[in-house]
C-alpha atoms as a PDB file:
ATOM      1  CA  MET A   1       0.104   0.038  -0.262  1.00  0.00           C
ATOM      2  CA  PRO A   2       1.981   3.473  -1.393  1.00  0.00           C
ATOM      3  CA  ALA A   3       2.027   6.030   1.315  1.00  0.00           C
ATOM      4  CA  SER A   4      -0.021   8.156  -0.656  1.00  0.00           C
ATOM      5  CA  LEU A   5      -2.829   5.979  -0.407  1.00  0.00           C
ATOM      6  CA  ALA A   6      -2.390   6.061   3.096  1.00  0.00           C
ATOM      7  CA  PHE A   7      -2.463   9.612   3.579  1.00  0.00           C
ATOM      8  CA  GLY A   8      -5.026   9.472   1.336  1.00  0.00           C
ATOM      9  CA  LEU A   9      -7.952   7.450   3.314  1.00  0.00           C
ATOM     10  CA  LEU A  10      -6.587   8.815   6.533  1.00  0.00           C
ATOM     11  CA  LEU A  11      -7.179  12.692   5.531  1.00  0.00           C
ATOM     12  CA  SER A  12     -10.035  11.875   3.920  1.00  0.00           C
ATOM     13  CA  VAL A  13     -11.966   9.511   6.811  1.00  0.00           C
ATOM     14  CA  THR A  14     -10.473  12.417   8.943  1.00  0.00           C
ATOM     15  CA  GLY A  15     -12.370  15.081   6.891  1.00  0.00           C
ATOM     16  CA  LEU A  16     -15.447  12.902   7.037  1.00  0.00           C
ATOM     17  CA  ALA A  17     -15.309  13.168  10.244  1.00  0.00           C
ATOM     18  CA  CYS A  18     -14.775  16.773  11.344  1.00  0.00           C
ATOM     19  CA  LEU A  19     -17.954  18.045   8.280  1.00  0.00           C
ATOM     20  CA  ALA A  20     -19.720  15.709  10.560  1.00  0.00           C
ATOM     21  CA  PHE A  21     -18.641  17.059  13.705  1.00  0.00           C
ATOM     22  CA  ALA A  22     -19.565  20.826  12.215  1.00  0.00           C
ATOM     23  CA  PHE A  23     -22.967  19.597  11.062  1.00  0.00           C
ATOM     24  CA  TYR A  24     -23.690  18.713  15.113  1.00  0.00           C
ATOM     25  CA  ALA A  25     -22.051  21.188  16.514  1.00  0.00           C
ATOM     26  CA  LEU A  26     -24.318  23.781  14.004  1.00  0.00           C
ATOM     27  CA  LEU A  27     -27.652  22.201  13.998  1.00  0.00           C
ATOM     28  CA  ARG A  28     -27.910  20.701  17.079  1.00  0.00           C
ATOM     29  CA  GLY A  29     -24.996  21.642  19.701  1.00  0.00           C
ATOM     30  CA  GLY A  30     -26.159  24.324  22.098  1.00  0.00           C
ATOM     31  CA  LYS A  31     -29.545  24.975  22.076  1.00  0.00           C
ATOM     32  CA  ASP A  32     -31.686  25.518  25.438  1.00  0.00           C
ATOM     33  CA  GLN A  33     -28.268  25.420  27.578  1.00  0.00           C
ATOM     34  CA  LYS A  34     -27.326  28.122  29.676  1.00  0.00           C
ATOM     35  CA  GLY A  35     -23.953  29.134  30.701  1.00  0.00           C
ATOM     36  CA  GLY A  36     -20.681  30.152  27.901  1.00  0.00           C
ATOM     37  CA  ILE A  37     -17.167  31.906  28.620  1.00  0.00           C
ATOM     38  CA  GLY A  38     -18.184  35.842  29.105  1.00  0.00           C
ATOM     39  CA  PRO A  39     -20.191  37.359  26.110  1.00  0.00           C
ATOM     40  CA  ILE A  40     -19.998  34.698  24.316  1.00  0.00           C
ATOM     41  CA  SER A  41     -23.193  32.003  24.780  1.00  0.00           C
ATOM     42  CA  GLU A  42     -23.385  28.322  24.763  1.00  0.00           C
ATOM     43  CA  ARG A  43     -25.035  28.607  21.218  1.00  0.00           C
ATOM     44  CA  GLY A  44     -22.393  31.589  19.825  1.00  0.00           C
ATOM     45  CA  ILE A  45     -19.233  28.433  21.360  1.00  0.00           C
ATOM     46  CA  HIS A  46     -20.830  26.109  19.171  1.00  0.00           C
ATOM     47  CA  VAL A  47     -21.412  28.443  15.717  1.00  0.00           C
ATOM     48  CA  ILE A  48     -17.654  29.021  16.448  1.00  0.00           C
ATOM     49  CA  ALA A  49     -16.543  25.911  16.277  1.00  0.00           C
ATOM     50  CA  GLY A  50     -18.901  24.134  14.047  1.00  0.00           C
ATOM     51  CA  VAL A  51     -17.280  27.032  11.185  1.00  0.00           C
ATOM     52  CA  ARG A  52     -13.910  25.890  12.322  1.00  0.00           C
ATOM     53  CA  LEU A  53     -14.373  22.013  11.627  1.00  0.00           C
ATOM     54  CA  LEU A  54     -16.679  22.884   8.107  1.00  0.00           C
ATOM     55  CA  VAL A  55     -13.206  24.981   7.413  1.00  0.00           C
ATOM     56  CA  ILE A  56     -10.433  21.812   8.673  1.00  0.00           C
ATOM     57  CA  GLY A  57     -12.614  19.276   7.414  1.00  0.00           C
ATOM     58  CA  GLY A  58     -13.277  20.819   4.100  1.00  0.00           C
ATOM     59  CA  ILE A  59      -9.552  21.294   3.381  1.00  0.00           C
ATOM     60  CA  SER A  60      -8.876  17.603   4.722  1.00  0.00           C
ATOM     61  CA  LEU A  61     -11.300  16.166   2.988  1.00  0.00           C
ATOM     62  CA  ALA A  62     -10.200  17.920   0.128  1.00  0.00           C
ATOM     63  CA  ALA A  63      -6.430  16.759   0.848  1.00  0.00           C
ATOM     64  CA  GLY A  64      -7.281  13.557   0.731  1.00  0.00           C
ATOM     65  CA  ILE A  65      -9.408  13.450  -2.473  1.00  0.00           C
ATOM     66  CA  TYR A  66      -5.832  14.619  -4.465  1.00  0.00           C
ATOM     67  CA  PHE A  67      -4.137  12.270  -2.490  1.00  0.00           C
ATOM     68  CA  LEU A  68      -6.194   9.588  -3.861  1.00  0.00           C
ATOM     69  CA  VAL A  69      -6.249  10.720  -7.407  1.00  0.00           C
ATOM     70  CA  SER A  70      -2.543  11.495  -8.147  1.00  0.00           C
END
């Protein structure tokens, strides 16, 4: 198994997992919860984390597909 194939599979699975967590954080995270850190509500924290996970997941998935194709 070449290294690029293994690395491509790893990045693709990581990207899909990040995207799944991102959609969960954006759709369900922080609803009906009290608290937060200072002026940022619990929902706001989940939105920030969800957007960050979307970016990281998208980059990981794109890199994984690139390694699988090349």
